[in-house]
PDB file of N, CA and C in Angstrom:
ATOM      1  N   UNK A   1     -10.801 -15.354   9.518  1.00  0.00           N
ATOM      2  CA  UNK A   1     -11.207 -14.566  10.664  1.00  0.00           C
ATOM      3  C   UNK A   1      -9.608 -13.671  10.727  1.00  0.00           C
ATOM      4  N   UNK A   2      -8.517 -13.490  10.027  1.00  0.00           N
ATOM      5  CA  UNK A   2      -7.925 -12.930   9.761  1.00  0.00           C
ATOM      6  C   UNK A   2      -8.133 -11.514   9.397  1.00  0.00           C
ATOM      7  N   UNK A   3      -8.749 -12.206   8.276  1.00  0.00           N
ATOM      8  CA  UNK A   3      -9.134 -10.703   7.001  1.00  0.00           C
ATOM      9  C   UNK A   3      -9.743  -9.723   7.639  1.00  0.00           C
ATOM     10  N   UNK A   4     -10.995 -10.463   8.288  1.00  0.00           N
ATOM     11  CA  UNK A   4     -11.696  -9.793   9.608  1.00  0.00           C
ATOM     12  C   UNK A   4     -10.575  -8.771  10.682  1.00  0.00           C
ATOM     13  N   UNK A   5     -10.118  -9.444  10.877  1.00  0.00           N
ATOM     14  CA  UNK A   5      -9.197  -8.553  12.239  1.00  0.00           C
ATOM     15  C   UNK A   5      -8.322  -7.639  11.580  1.00  0.00           C
ATOM     16  N   UNK A   6      -7.840  -7.783  10.380  1.00  0.00           N
ATOM     17  CA  UNK A   6      -6.891  -7.162   9.830  1.00  0.00           C
ATOM     18  C   UNK A   6      -8.103  -5.880   9.071  1.00  0.00           C
ATOM     19  N   UNK A   7      -9.112  -5.595   8.719  1.00  0.00           N
ATOM     20  CA  UNK A   7     -10.190  -4.750   8.436  1.00  0.00           C
ATOM     21  C   UNK A   7     -10.187  -3.970   9.630  1.00  0.00           C
ATOM     22  N   UNK A   8     -11.010  -4.875  10.803  1.00  0.00           N
ATOM     23  CA  UNK A   8     -11.447  -3.742  11.795  1.00  0.00           C
ATOM     24  C   UNK A   8     -10.299  -3.213  12.507  1.00  0.00           C
ATOM     25  N   UNK A   9      -8.817  -3.897  12.329  1.00  0.00           N
ATOM     26  CA  UNK A   9      -7.860  -2.950  13.180  1.00  0.00           C
ATOM     27  C   UNK A   9      -7.538  -2.322  12.270  1.00  0.00           C
ATOM     28  N   UNK A  10      -7.897  -1.469  10.821  1.00  0.00           N
ATOM     29  CA  UNK A  10      -7.432  -0.407   9.699  1.00  0.00           C
ATOM     30  C   UNK A  10      -8.713   0.251   9.787  1.00  0.00           C
ATOM     31  N   UNK A  11      -9.736   0.405  10.522  1.00  0.00           N
ATOM     32  CA  UNK A  11     -10.720   0.961  10.609  1.00  0.00           C
ATOM     33  C   UNK A  11     -10.690   2.496  10.652  1.00  0.00           C
ATOM     34  N   UNK A  12      -9.855   2.613  12.322  1.00  0.00           N
ATOM     35  CA  UNK A  12      -9.241   4.010  12.679  1.00  0.00           C
ATOM     36  C   UNK A  12      -8.979   4.506  11.864  1.00  0.00           C
ATOM     37  N   UNK A  13      -8.068   4.181  10.669  1.00  0.00           N
ATOM     38  CA  UNK A  13      -7.807   4.913   9.577  1.00  0.00           C
ATOM     39  C   UNK A  13      -8.757   5.791   8.813  1.00  0.00           C
ATOM     40  N   UNK A  14      -9.919   4.785   8.588  1.00  0.00           N
ATOM     41  CA  UNK A  14     -10.902   5.608   7.889  1.00  0.00           C
ATOM     42  C   UNK A  14     -11.755   6.625   8.708  1.00  0.00           C
ATOM     43  N   UNK A  15     -11.528   6.884   9.842  1.00  0.00           N
ATOM     44  CA  UNK A  15     -12.589   7.672  11.053  1.00  0.00           C
ATOM     45  C   UNK A  15     -11.735   8.288  11.705  1.00  0.00           C
ATOM     46  N   UNK A  16     -10.714   8.252  11.197  1.00  0.00           N
ATOM     47  CA  UNK A  16      -9.451   9.348  11.472  1.00  0.00           C
ATOM     48  C   UNK A  16      -9.607  10.823  11.548  1.00  0.00           C
ATOM     49  N   UNK A  17      -9.217  11.884  12.175  1.00  0.00           N
ATOM     50  CA  UNK A  17      -9.416  13.298  12.191  1.00  0.00           C
ATOM     51  C   UNK A  17      -7.932  13.983  13.013  1.00  0.00           C
ATOM     52  N   UNK A  18      -8.089  14.511  12.707  1.00  0.00           N
ATOM     53  CA  UNK A  18      -6.645  16.277  12.876  1.00  0.00           C
ATOM     54  C   UNK A  18      -5.860  16.019  11.938  1.00  0.00           C
ATOM     55  N   UNK A  19      -4.482  16.138  11.720  1.00  0.00           N
ATOM     56  CA  UNK A  19      -4.074  16.847  10.771  1.00  0.00           C
ATOM     57  C   UNK A  19      -3.309  15.407  10.068  1.00  0.00           C
ATOM     58  N   UNK A  20      -3.108  15.538   9.028  1.00  0.00           N
ATOM     59  CA  UNK A  20      -3.112  14.373   7.832  1.00  0.00           C
ATOM     60  C   UNK A  20      -4.076  13.656   7.187  1.00  0.00           C
ATOM     61  N   UNK A  21      -5.411  13.714   8.123  1.00  0.00           N
ATOM     62  CA  UNK A  21      -6.672  13.198   8.169  1.00  0.00           C
ATOM     63  C   UNK A  21      -7.104  12.563   6.731  1.00  0.00           C
ATOM     64  N   UNK A  22      -6.981  13.802   5.555  1.00  0.00           N
ATOM     65  CA  UNK A  22      -7.696  12.881   4.432  1.00  0.00           C
ATOM     66  C   UNK A  22      -6.410  11.851   3.799  1.00  0.00           C
ATOM     67  N   UNK A  23      -5.225  12.167   4.014  1.00  0.00           N
ATOM     68  CA  UNK A  23      -4.456  10.900   3.825  1.00  0.00           C
ATOM     69  C   UNK A  23      -4.659   9.712   4.177  1.00  0.00           C
ATOM     70  N   UNK A  24      -4.925   9.627   5.506  1.00  0.00           N
ATOM     71  CA  UNK A  24      -5.353   8.146   6.377  1.00  0.00           C
ATOM     72  C   UNK A  24      -6.608   7.775   5.982  1.00  0.00           C
ATOM     73  N   UNK A  25      -7.695   9.406   5.531  1.00  0.00           N
ATOM     74  CA  UNK A  25      -8.960   8.295   5.604  1.00  0.00           C
ATOM     75  C   UNK A  25      -8.718   7.533   4.157  1.00  0.00           C
ATOM     76  N   UNK A  26      -8.279   7.924   3.153  1.00  0.00           N
ATOM     77  CA  UNK A  26      -8.077   7.956   1.662  1.00  0.00           C
ATOM     78  C   UNK A  26      -7.383   6.259   1.429  1.00  0.00           C
ATOM     79  N   UNK A  27      -6.469   6.198   2.400  1.00  0.00           N
ATOM     80  CA  UNK A  27      -5.715   5.040   2.642  1.00  0.00           C
ATOM     81  C   UNK A  27      -6.947   3.834   3.114  1.00  0.00           C
ATOM     82  N   UNK A  28      -7.074   4.495   4.031  1.00  0.00           N
ATOM     83  CA  UNK A  28      -7.883   3.349   4.998  1.00  0.00           C
ATOM     84  C   UNK A  28      -8.746   2.909   4.547  1.00  0.00           C
ATOM     85  N   UNK A  29      -9.783   3.636   3.063  1.00  0.00           N
ATOM     86  CA  UNK A  29     -10.839   3.546   2.559  1.00  0.00           C
ATOM     87  C   UNK A  29     -10.421   2.097   1.689  1.00  0.00           C
ATOM     88  N   UNK A  30      -8.793   2.826   1.093  1.00  0.00           N
ATOM     89  CA  UNK A  30      -8.674   1.428  -0.070  1.00  0.00           C
ATOM     90  C   UNK A  30      -8.296   0.199   0.758  1.00  0.00           C
ATOM     91  N   UNK A  31      -7.696   0.457   1.118  1.00  0.00           N
ATOM     92  CA  UNK A  31      -6.996  -0.621   2.104  1.00  0.00           C
ATOM     93  C   UNK A  31      -8.289  -1.512   2.787  1.00  0.00           C
ATOM     94  N   UNK A  32      -9.262  -0.983   3.450  1.00  0.00           N
ATOM     95  CA  UNK A  32     -10.518  -1.834   3.556  1.00  0.00           C
ATOM     96  C   UNK A  32     -11.336  -2.458   2.564  1.00  0.00           C
ATOM     97  N   UNK A  33     -11.328  -1.230   1.279  1.00  0.00           N
ATOM     98  CA  UNK A  33     -12.289  -1.709   0.677  1.00  0.00           C
ATOM     99  C   UNK A  33     -11.631  -2.849  -0.211  1.00  0.00           C
ATOM    100  N   UNK A  34     -10.448  -3.199  -0.580  1.00  0.00           N
ATOM    101  CA  UNK A  34      -9.546  -3.826  -0.754  1.00  0.00           C
ATOM    102  C   UNK A  34      -9.594  -5.571   0.093  1.00  0.00           C
ATOM    103  N   UNK A  35      -9.060  -5.376   1.003  1.00  0.00           N
ATOM    104  CA  UNK A  35      -9.370  -6.251   1.828  1.00  0.00           C
ATOM    105  C   UNK A  35     -10.709  -6.894   1.571  1.00  0.00           C
ATOM    106  N   UNK A  36     -11.771  -6.530   2.027  1.00  0.00           N
ATOM    107  CA  UNK A  36     -13.217  -7.185   1.887  1.00  0.00           C
ATOM    108  C   UNK A  36     -13.363  -7.718   0.467  1.00  0.00           C
ATOM    109  N   UNK A  37     -13.144  -7.141  -0.658  1.00  0.00           N
ATOM    110  CA  UNK A  37     -13.416  -7.321  -1.977  1.00  0.00           C
ATOM    111  C   UNK A  37     -12.266  -8.704  -2.415  1.00  0.00           C
ATOM    112  N   UNK A  38     -10.663  -8.717  -1.949  1.00  0.00           N
ATOM    113  CA  UNK A  38     -10.453  -9.967  -2.031  1.00  0.00           C
ATOM    114  C   UNK A  38     -11.069 -11.017  -1.435  1.00  0.00           C
ATOM    115  N   UNK A  39     -11.464 -10.738  -0.264  1.00  0.00           N
ATOM    116  CA  UNK A  39     -11.657 -12.094   0.593  1.00  0.00           C
ATOM    117  C   UNK A  39     -13.373 -12.295   0.501  1.00  0.00           C
ATOM    118  N   UNK A  40     -14.056 -11.685  -0.336  1.00  0.00           N
ATOM    119  CA  UNK A  40     -15.266 -12.429  -0.697  1.00  0.00           C
ATOM    120  C   UNK A  40     -14.836 -13.045  -2.457  1.00  0.00           C
ATOM    121  N   UNK A  41     -14.106 -12.286  -2.813  1.00  0.00           N
ATOM    122  CA  UNK A  41     -13.699 -12.914  -4.260  1.00  0.00           C
ATOM    123  C   UNK A  41     -13.076 -14.507  -4.436  1.00  0.00           C
ATOM    124  N   UNK A  42     -12.522 -14.415  -3.103  1.00  0.00           N
ATOM    125  CA  UNK A  42     -11.286 -15.624  -2.575  1.00  0.00           C
ATOM    126  C   UNK A  42     -12.267 -16.127  -1.846  1.00  0.00           C
ATOM    127  N   UNK A  43     -13.309 -16.337  -1.772  1.00  0.00           N
ATOM    128  CA  UNK A  43     -14.393 -17.181  -0.977  1.00  0.00           C
ATOM    129  C   UNK A  43     -15.229 -17.627  -1.795  1.00  0.00           C
ATOM    130  N   UNK A  44     -15.353 -17.515  -3.493  1.00  0.00           N
ATOM    131  CA  UNK A  44     -15.853 -17.790  -4.196  1.00  0.00           C
ATOM    132  C   UNK A  44     -14.599 -18.729  -4.935  1.00  0.00           C
ATOM    133  N   UNK A  45     -13.563 -17.935  -5.688  1.00  0.00           N
ATOM    134  CA  UNK A  45     -12.729 -18.737  -6.474  1.00  0.00           C
ATOM    135  C   UNK A  45     -11.993 -19.926  -6.107  1.00  0.00           C
ATOM    136  N   UNK A  46     -11.495 -19.972  -4.706  1.00  0.00           N
ATOM    137  CA  UNK A  46     -10.650 -20.781  -3.996  1.00  0.00           C
ATOM    138  C   UNK A  46     -11.919 -22.301  -4.310  1.00  0.00           C
ATOM    139  N   UNK A  47     -12.919 -22.299  -3.979  1.00  0.00           N
ATOM    140  CA  UNK A  47     -14.046 -23.656  -4.044  1.00  0.00           C
ATOM    141  C   UNK A  47     -14.220 -24.017  -5.144  1.00  0.00           C
ATOM    142  N   UNK A  48     -13.991 -22.699  -6.330  1.00  0.00           N
ATOM    143  CA  UNK A  48     -14.553 -23.351  -7.300  1.00  0.00           C
ATOM    144  C   UNK A  48     -13.148 -23.708  -8.331  1.00  0.00           C
ATOM    145  N   UNK A  49     -11.911 -23.153  -7.746  1.00  0.00           N
ATOM    146  CA  UNK A  49     -10.524 -24.016  -8.278  1.00  0.00           C
ATOM    147  C   UNK A  49     -10.576 -25.741  -8.073  1.00  0.00           C
ATOM    148  N   UNK A  50     -10.590 -25.307  -6.618  1.00  0.00           N
ATOM    149  CA  UNK A  50     -11.010 -26.988  -6.268  1.00  0.00           C
ATOM    150  C   UNK A  50     -11.476 -27.954  -6.751  1.00  0.00           C
ATOM    151  N   UNK A  51     -12.445 -27.345  -7.118  1.00  0.00           N
ATOM    152  CA  UNK A  51     -13.333 -28.287  -7.554  1.00  0.00           C
ATOM    153  C   UNK A  51     -13.300 -28.514  -9.012  1.00  0.00           C
ATOM    154  N   UNK A  52     -13.005 -27.718  -9.663  1.00  0.00           N
ATOM    155  CA  UNK A  52     -12.755 -27.767 -11.120  1.00  0.00           C
ATOM    156  C   UNK A  52     -11.293 -28.646 -11.308  1.00  0.00           C
ATOM    157  N   UNK A  53     -10.141 -28.902  -9.948  1.00  0.00           N
ATOM    158  CA  UNK A  53      -8.666 -29.459 -10.278  1.00  0.00           C
ATOM    159  C   UNK A  53      -9.360 -30.499  -9.378  1.00  0.00           C
ATOM    160  N   UNK A  54     -10.050 -30.949  -9.228  1.00  0.00           N
ATOM    161  CA  UNK A  54     -10.316 -32.869  -8.755  1.00  0.00           C
ATOM    162  C   UNK A  54     -11.150 -33.004  -9.720  1.00  0.00           C
ATOM    163  N   UNK A  55     -12.170 -32.348 -10.525  1.00  0.00           N
ATOM    164  CA  UNK A  55     -12.870 -33.103 -11.758  1.00  0.00           C
ATOM    165  C   UNK A  55     -11.696 -32.976 -13.237  1.00  0.00           C
ATOM    166  N   UNK A  56     -10.589 -32.968 -12.771  1.00  0.00           N
ATOM    167  CA  UNK A  56      -9.965 -33.206 -13.711  1.00  0.00           C
ATOM    168  C   UNK A  56      -9.310 -34.497 -14.048  1.00  0.00           C
ATOM    169  N   UNK A  57      -9.395 -35.404 -14.808  1.00  0.00           N
ATOM    170  CA  UNK A  57      -9.282 -36.789 -15.145  1.00  0.00           C
ATOM    171  C   UNK A  57      -7.881 -37.078 -14.853  1.00  0.00           C
ATOM    172  N   UNK A  58      -7.605 -38.314 -14.283  1.00  0.00           N
ATOM    173  CA  UNK A  58      -6.135 -38.544 -13.741  1.00  0.00           C
ATOM    174  C   UNK A  58      -5.708 -38.981 -14.736  1.00  0.00           C
ATOM    175  N   UNK A  59      -4.388 -38.521 -14.691  1.00  0.00           N
ATOM    176  CA  UNK A  59      -3.644 -39.303 -15.878  1.00  0.00           C
ATOM    177  C   UNK A  59      -2.219 -40.170 -15.120  1.00  0.00           C
ATOM    178  N   UNK A  60      -2.411 -41.714 -15.949  1.00  0.00           N
ATOM    179  CA  UNK A  60      -1.720 -42.401 -15.537  1.00  0.00           C
ATOM    180  C   UNK A  60       0.070 -42.189 -16.044  1.00  0.00           C
ATOM    181  N   UNK A  61       0.711 -42.576 -14.900  1.00  0.00           N
ATOM    182  CA  UNK A  61       2.445 -42.103 -15.489  1.00  0.00           C
ATOM    183  C   UNK A  61       3.077 -43.779 -15.913  1.00  0.00           C
ATOM    184  N   UNK A  62       3.745 -43.345 -17.015  1.00  0.00           N
ATOM    185  CA  UNK A  62       4.993 -44.511 -17.149  1.00  0.00           C
ATOM    186  C   UNK A  62       5.961 -44.362 -16.518  1.00  0.00           C
ATOM    187  N   UNK A  63       6.445 -45.842 -15.770  1.00  0.00           N
ATOM    188  CA  UNK A  63       7.259 -46.313 -15.974  1.00  0.00           C
ATOM    189  C   UNK A  63       8.608 -46.579 -16.986  1.00  0.00           C
ATOM    190  N   UNK A  64       9.585 -45.749 -16.893  1.00  0.00           N
ATOM    191  CA  UNK A  64      10.616 -45.798 -17.752  1.00  0.00           C
ATOM    192  C   UNK A  64      11.270 -46.866 -17.139  1.00  0.00           C
ATOM    193  N   UNK A  65      11.765 -48.047 -17.718  1.00  0.00           N
ATOM    194  CA  UNK A  65      12.952 -49.178 -16.909  1.00  0.00           C
ATOM    195  C   UNK A  65      14.309 -48.970 -16.743  1.00  0.00           C
ATOM    196  N   UNK A  66      14.368 -49.042 -15.919  1.00  0.00           N
ATOM    197  CA  UNK A  66      16.145 -48.223 -15.790  1.00  0.00           C
ATOM    198  C   UNK A  66      17.792 -49.340 -16.274  1.00  0.00           C
TER     199      UNK A  66
END
């Protein structure tokens, strides 16, 4: 939700007109593309890393007498 709100908030940069519009468009395009890519990549890799960590064998801790 937060990523989507951020992407929608940056959309006016992508469609800007007027003075300095080229700089705003290029910055908006990079930000929107990066956020969308990071969101979709994280959607795949975060659960994958959780599954890999959950499958790791548990190690026993050895208590050292004081």
